[in-house]
Amino acid sequence: TPTLRCFVNTGPGPSVCERGVALSPSVCERGVAVIVGFLPSAWLVFVIVLYEGLLGGAAYVNTFYFISKETGDRQREFAMVAASVGDSLGIAVSGLIAFPVHRYFCSL
């Protein structure tokens, strides 16, 4: 169904790219073909994404747990700030990198 194809490729609703230019149905179908060619069900994708989120959250909690247990009182605050800033900068940089990557894929 076209709705499922566009949902898998770009989210619910119409497929819209940069500057309001609508994506062609072939681009939407190519995105689904890549996913469907390797995975038999959309539910498997949801389970994989859930598992990845749980692992990422556990790693984040584990990092701060060990910072609070392994560092002395004087270094603990600096270590927690450094870990928080590092995490935030990593997210911000990946978001900035996503802009040109998105523009590249929309130009295909």
N, C-alpha and C. Protein backbone atom coordinates (compact mmCIF):
# COMPACT_ATOMS: atom_id res chain seq x y z
N THR A 1 0.84 -1.18 0.00
CA THR A 1 0.00 0.00 0.00
C THR A 1 0.88 1.24 0.00
N PRO A 2 0.47 2.30 -0.68
CA PRO A 2 1.28 3.53 -0.71
C PRO A 2 1.48 4.15 0.66
N THR A 3 0.47 4.05 1.54
CA THR A 3 0.60 4.64 2.86
C THR A 3 1.74 3.98 3.63
N LEU A 4 1.80 2.65 3.58
CA LEU A 4 2.87 1.94 4.27
C LEU A 4 4.22 2.30 3.68
N ARG A 5 4.30 2.41 2.37
CA ARG A 5 5.56 2.74 1.73
C ARG A 5 6.05 4.11 2.19
N CYS A 6 5.18 5.09 2.20
CA CYS A 6 5.59 6.43 2.62
C CYS A 6 5.86 6.49 4.11
N PHE A 7 5.15 5.70 4.91
CA PHE A 7 5.40 5.68 6.34
C PHE A 7 6.79 5.12 6.63
N VAL A 8 7.14 4.04 5.95
CA VAL A 8 8.44 3.44 6.17
C VAL A 8 9.54 4.37 5.69
N ASN A 9 9.33 5.07 4.60
CA ASN A 9 10.38 5.90 4.01
C ASN A 9 10.52 7.26 4.70
N THR A 10 9.42 7.99 4.90
CA THR A 10 9.53 9.36 5.36
C THR A 10 8.62 9.70 6.53
N GLY A 11 7.85 8.78 7.02
CA GLY A 11 6.93 9.07 8.11
C GLY A 11 5.51 9.15 7.59
N PRO A 12 4.54 9.28 8.49
CA PRO A 12 3.15 9.32 8.04
C PRO A 12 2.85 10.59 7.25
N GLY A 13 1.90 10.51 6.38
CA GLY A 13 1.53 11.67 5.58
C GLY A 13 2.23 11.64 4.25
N PRO A 14 2.09 12.73 3.51
CA PRO A 14 2.71 12.76 2.18
C PRO A 14 4.23 12.82 2.26
N SER A 15 4.86 12.32 1.24
CA SER A 15 6.32 12.35 1.18
C SER A 15 6.77 13.70 0.68
N VAL A 16 7.39 14.49 1.54
CA VAL A 16 7.83 15.82 1.16
C VAL A 16 9.31 15.93 1.46
N CYS A 17 10.03 16.51 0.55
CA CYS A 17 11.47 16.67 0.71
C CYS A 17 11.78 18.15 0.86
N GLU A 18 13.03 18.53 0.62
CA GLU A 18 13.46 19.92 0.75
C GLU A 18 12.61 20.85 -0.12
N ARG A 19 12.35 22.04 0.39
CA ARG A 19 11.66 23.12 -0.33
C ARG A 19 10.27 22.71 -0.83
N GLY A 20 9.63 21.78 -0.16
CA GLY A 20 8.26 21.40 -0.50
C GLY A 20 8.12 20.59 -1.77
N VAL A 21 9.20 20.07 -2.30
CA VAL A 21 9.13 19.26 -3.52
C VAL A 21 8.73 17.85 -3.13
N ALA A 22 7.65 17.36 -3.71
CA ALA A 22 7.17 16.02 -3.37
C ALA A 22 8.08 14.97 -3.98
N LEU A 23 8.33 13.93 -3.20
CA LEU A 23 9.12 12.82 -3.71
C LEU A 23 8.28 12.00 -4.69
N SER A 24 8.92 11.45 -5.66
CA SER A 24 8.19 10.60 -6.60
C SER A 24 7.88 9.27 -5.94
N PRO A 25 6.83 8.57 -6.39
CA PRO A 25 6.51 7.26 -5.81
C PRO A 25 7.65 6.26 -5.96
N SER A 26 8.47 6.40 -7.00
CA SER A 26 9.56 5.44 -7.18
C SER A 26 10.59 5.57 -6.07
N VAL A 27 10.84 6.81 -5.58
CA VAL A 27 11.78 6.99 -4.47
C VAL A 27 11.22 6.33 -3.23
N CYS A 28 9.92 6.52 -3.00
CA CYS A 28 9.27 5.91 -1.85
C CYS A 28 9.34 4.39 -1.95
N GLU A 29 9.11 3.85 -3.13
CA GLU A 29 9.15 2.40 -3.31
C GLU A 29 10.56 1.85 -3.14
N ARG A 30 11.57 2.60 -3.58
CA ARG A 30 12.95 2.14 -3.41
C ARG A 30 13.31 2.03 -1.93
N GLY A 31 12.87 3.00 -1.12
CA GLY A 31 13.14 2.95 0.31
C GLY A 31 12.53 1.72 0.96
N VAL A 32 11.31 1.38 0.54
CA VAL A 32 10.65 0.20 1.09
C VAL A 32 11.29 -1.06 0.56
N ALA A 33 11.68 -1.06 -0.70
CA ALA A 33 12.27 -2.26 -1.28
C ALA A 33 13.56 -2.64 -0.55
N VAL A 34 14.31 -1.65 -0.14
CA VAL A 34 15.54 -1.95 0.59
C VAL A 34 15.22 -2.60 1.92
N ILE A 35 14.23 -2.05 2.64
CA ILE A 35 13.88 -2.61 3.94
C ILE A 35 13.21 -3.96 3.79
N VAL A 36 12.24 -4.08 2.88
CA VAL A 36 11.51 -5.32 2.73
C VAL A 36 12.40 -6.42 2.17
N GLY A 37 13.39 -6.05 1.37
CA GLY A 37 14.27 -7.07 0.81
C GLY A 37 15.08 -7.80 1.86
N PHE A 38 15.38 -7.15 2.99
CA PHE A 38 16.20 -7.77 4.01
C PHE A 38 15.40 -8.24 5.21
N LEU A 39 14.27 -7.63 5.50
CA LEU A 39 13.49 -7.96 6.68
C LEU A 39 12.10 -8.42 6.28
N PRO A 40 11.64 -9.53 6.86
CA PRO A 40 10.35 -10.08 6.44
C PRO A 40 9.14 -9.33 6.97
N SER A 41 9.28 -8.53 8.03
CA SER A 41 8.13 -7.89 8.63
C SER A 41 8.52 -6.53 9.23
N ALA A 42 7.58 -5.59 9.22
CA ALA A 42 7.81 -4.29 9.85
C ALA A 42 7.93 -4.44 11.35
N TRP A 43 7.26 -5.44 11.92
CA TRP A 43 7.34 -5.66 13.37
C TRP A 43 8.76 -6.01 13.79
N LEU A 44 9.49 -6.69 12.94
CA LEU A 44 10.89 -7.00 13.25
C LEU A 44 11.71 -5.72 13.34
N VAL A 45 11.43 -4.75 12.47
CA VAL A 45 12.10 -3.45 12.52
C VAL A 45 11.78 -2.76 13.84
N PHE A 46 10.51 -2.78 14.25
CA PHE A 46 10.12 -2.15 15.51
C PHE A 46 10.83 -2.79 16.69
N VAL A 47 10.95 -4.11 16.70
CA VAL A 47 11.62 -4.81 17.79
C VAL A 47 13.11 -4.46 17.81
N ILE A 48 13.73 -4.38 16.65
CA ILE A 48 15.16 -4.03 16.59
C ILE A 48 15.38 -2.61 17.10
N VAL A 49 14.52 -1.68 16.71
CA VAL A 49 14.65 -0.29 17.17
C VAL A 49 14.42 -0.19 18.67
N LEU A 50 13.44 -0.93 19.20
CA LEU A 50 13.21 -0.94 20.64
C LEU A 50 14.42 -1.49 21.39
N TYR A 51 14.98 -2.58 20.89
CA TYR A 51 16.16 -3.18 21.52
C TYR A 51 17.35 -2.22 21.51
N GLU A 52 17.53 -1.54 20.39
CA GLU A 52 18.63 -0.57 20.29
C GLU A 52 18.42 0.58 21.27
N GLY A 53 17.20 1.03 21.43
CA GLY A 53 16.91 2.09 22.38
C GLY A 53 17.16 1.66 23.82
N LEU A 54 16.78 0.44 24.14
CA LEU A 54 17.04 -0.07 25.49
C LEU A 54 18.54 -0.20 25.76
N LEU A 55 19.28 -0.68 24.77
CA LEU A 55 20.74 -0.78 24.95
C LEU A 55 21.38 0.59 25.10
N GLY A 56 20.95 1.57 24.30
CA GLY A 56 21.49 2.92 24.40
C GLY A 56 21.19 3.54 25.75
N GLY A 57 19.96 3.37 26.23
CA GLY A 57 19.60 3.90 27.55
C GLY A 57 20.37 3.23 28.66
N ALA A 58 20.56 1.91 28.55
CA ALA A 58 21.32 1.19 29.58
C ALA A 58 22.78 1.64 29.59
N ALA A 59 23.34 1.89 28.43
CA ALA A 59 24.73 2.36 28.37
C ALA A 59 24.85 3.74 28.99
N TYR A 60 23.87 4.60 28.76
CA TYR A 60 23.88 5.95 29.32
C TYR A 60 23.80 5.89 30.84
N VAL A 61 22.87 5.11 31.37
CA VAL A 61 22.72 4.96 32.82
C VAL A 61 23.97 4.33 33.42
N ASN A 62 24.51 3.33 32.77
CA ASN A 62 25.70 2.65 33.26
C ASN A 62 26.90 3.59 33.33
N THR A 63 27.03 4.47 32.35
CA THR A 63 28.13 5.44 32.35
C THR A 63 28.05 6.35 33.56
N PHE A 64 26.87 6.89 33.82
CA PHE A 64 26.74 7.80 34.95
C PHE A 64 26.81 7.06 36.29
N TYR A 65 26.39 5.82 36.32
CA TYR A 65 26.53 5.03 37.55
C TYR A 65 28.01 4.85 37.89
N PHE A 66 28.80 4.47 36.88
CA PHE A 66 30.22 4.27 37.15
C PHE A 66 30.95 5.57 37.44
N ILE A 67 30.52 6.66 36.83
CA ILE A 67 31.13 7.95 37.17
C ILE A 67 30.86 8.27 38.64
N SER A 68 29.63 8.02 39.08
CA SER A 68 29.31 8.34 40.47
C SER A 68 30.00 7.42 41.46
N LYS A 69 30.31 6.21 41.08
CA LYS A 69 30.95 5.25 42.00
C LYS A 69 32.47 5.26 41.93
N GLU A 70 33.04 5.50 40.76
CA GLU A 70 34.48 5.34 40.56
C GLU A 70 35.29 6.61 40.78
N THR A 71 34.67 7.76 40.69
CA THR A 71 35.44 9.00 40.83
C THR A 71 35.30 9.54 42.24
N GLY A 72 36.30 10.31 42.64
CA GLY A 72 36.25 10.96 43.94
C GLY A 72 35.27 12.12 43.93
N ASP A 73 34.99 12.64 45.09
CA ASP A 73 34.01 13.73 45.20
C ASP A 73 34.41 14.94 44.38
N ARG A 74 35.69 15.22 44.36
CA ARG A 74 36.17 16.41 43.67
C ARG A 74 36.06 16.28 42.14
N GLN A 75 36.31 15.10 41.61
CA GLN A 75 36.28 14.90 40.16
C GLN A 75 34.89 14.49 39.64
N ARG A 76 34.00 14.09 40.52
CA ARG A 76 32.70 13.56 40.09
C ARG A 76 31.90 14.59 39.29
N GLU A 77 31.83 15.80 39.78
CA GLU A 77 31.04 16.82 39.09
C GLU A 77 31.60 17.12 37.71
N PHE A 78 32.93 17.24 37.62
CA PHE A 78 33.55 17.49 36.32
C PHE A 78 33.31 16.32 35.36
N ALA A 79 33.44 15.09 35.86
CA ALA A 79 33.26 13.92 35.01
C ALA A 79 31.82 13.83 34.49
N MET A 80 30.85 14.15 35.35
CA MET A 80 29.45 14.09 34.90
C MET A 80 29.16 15.20 33.88
N VAL A 81 29.72 16.38 34.10
CA VAL A 81 29.52 17.46 33.14
C VAL A 81 30.19 17.12 31.82
N ALA A 82 31.40 16.57 31.88
CA ALA A 82 32.11 16.21 30.65
C ALA A 82 31.34 15.14 29.87
N ALA A 83 30.78 14.16 30.57
CA ALA A 83 30.01 13.11 29.89
C ALA A 83 28.73 13.68 29.29
N SER A 84 28.07 14.58 30.02
CA SER A 84 26.82 15.18 29.51
C SER A 84 27.08 16.06 28.30
N VAL A 85 28.12 16.90 28.39
CA VAL A 85 28.44 17.78 27.27
C VAL A 85 28.89 16.96 26.06
N GLY A 86 29.68 15.94 26.30
CA GLY A 86 30.11 15.08 25.20
C GLY A 86 28.94 14.40 24.50
N ASP A 87 27.98 13.93 25.29
CA ASP A 87 26.80 13.29 24.71
C ASP A 87 25.98 14.31 23.92
N SER A 88 25.78 15.48 24.49
CA SER A 88 25.00 16.52 23.80
C SER A 88 25.69 16.99 22.52
N LEU A 89 27.00 17.16 22.57
CA LEU A 89 27.73 17.56 21.36
C LEU A 89 27.66 16.49 20.28
N GLY A 90 27.75 15.23 20.68
CA GLY A 90 27.63 14.14 19.71
C GLY A 90 26.28 14.14 19.02
N ILE A 91 25.22 14.38 19.78
CA ILE A 91 23.88 14.44 19.20
C ILE A 91 23.76 15.65 18.28
N ALA A 92 24.29 16.80 18.70
CA ALA A 92 24.20 18.01 17.89
C ALA A 92 24.99 17.87 16.59
N VAL A 93 26.18 17.31 16.66
CA VAL A 93 27.00 17.14 15.45
C VAL A 93 26.33 16.15 14.49
N SER A 94 25.78 15.07 15.02
CA SER A 94 25.10 14.13 14.12
C SER A 94 23.88 14.76 13.48
N GLY A 95 23.18 15.63 14.22
CA GLY A 95 22.06 16.36 13.63
C GLY A 95 22.51 17.30 12.53
N LEU A 96 23.63 17.99 12.73
CA LEU A 96 24.15 18.88 11.70
C LEU A 96 24.62 18.11 10.47
N ILE A 97 25.21 16.96 10.68
CA ILE A 97 25.64 16.12 9.55
C ILE A 97 24.43 15.61 8.78
N ALA A 98 23.31 15.42 9.46
CA ALA A 98 22.11 14.90 8.81
C ALA A 98 21.57 15.85 7.75
N PHE A 99 21.78 17.18 7.91
CA PHE A 99 21.24 18.13 6.93
C PHE A 99 21.82 17.90 5.53
N PRO A 100 23.14 17.90 5.34
CA PRO A 100 23.63 17.66 3.98
C PRO A 100 23.36 16.25 3.47
N VAL A 101 23.34 15.28 4.36
CA VAL A 101 23.02 13.91 3.94
C VAL A 101 21.59 13.84 3.44
N HIS A 102 20.68 14.49 4.17
CA HIS A 102 19.27 14.51 3.74
C HIS A 102 19.13 15.21 2.39
N ARG A 103 19.80 16.32 2.23
CA ARG A 103 19.74 17.04 0.96
C ARG A 103 20.29 16.19 -0.18
N TYR A 104 21.36 15.44 0.09
CA TYR A 104 21.93 14.56 -0.94
C TYR A 104 20.93 13.49 -1.36
N PHE A 105 20.30 12.82 -0.39
CA PHE A 105 19.36 11.77 -0.73
C PHE A 105 18.11 12.32 -1.41
N CYS A 106 17.72 13.54 -1.05
CA CYS A 106 16.55 14.14 -1.72
C CYS A 106 16.87 14.53 -3.15
N SER A 107 18.14 14.74 -3.46
CA SER A 107 18.49 15.13 -4.82
C SER A 107 18.62 13.94 -5.75
N LEU A 108 18.58 12.73 -5.23
CA LEU A 108 18.72 11.54 -6.09
C LEU A 108 17.51 11.35 -6.98
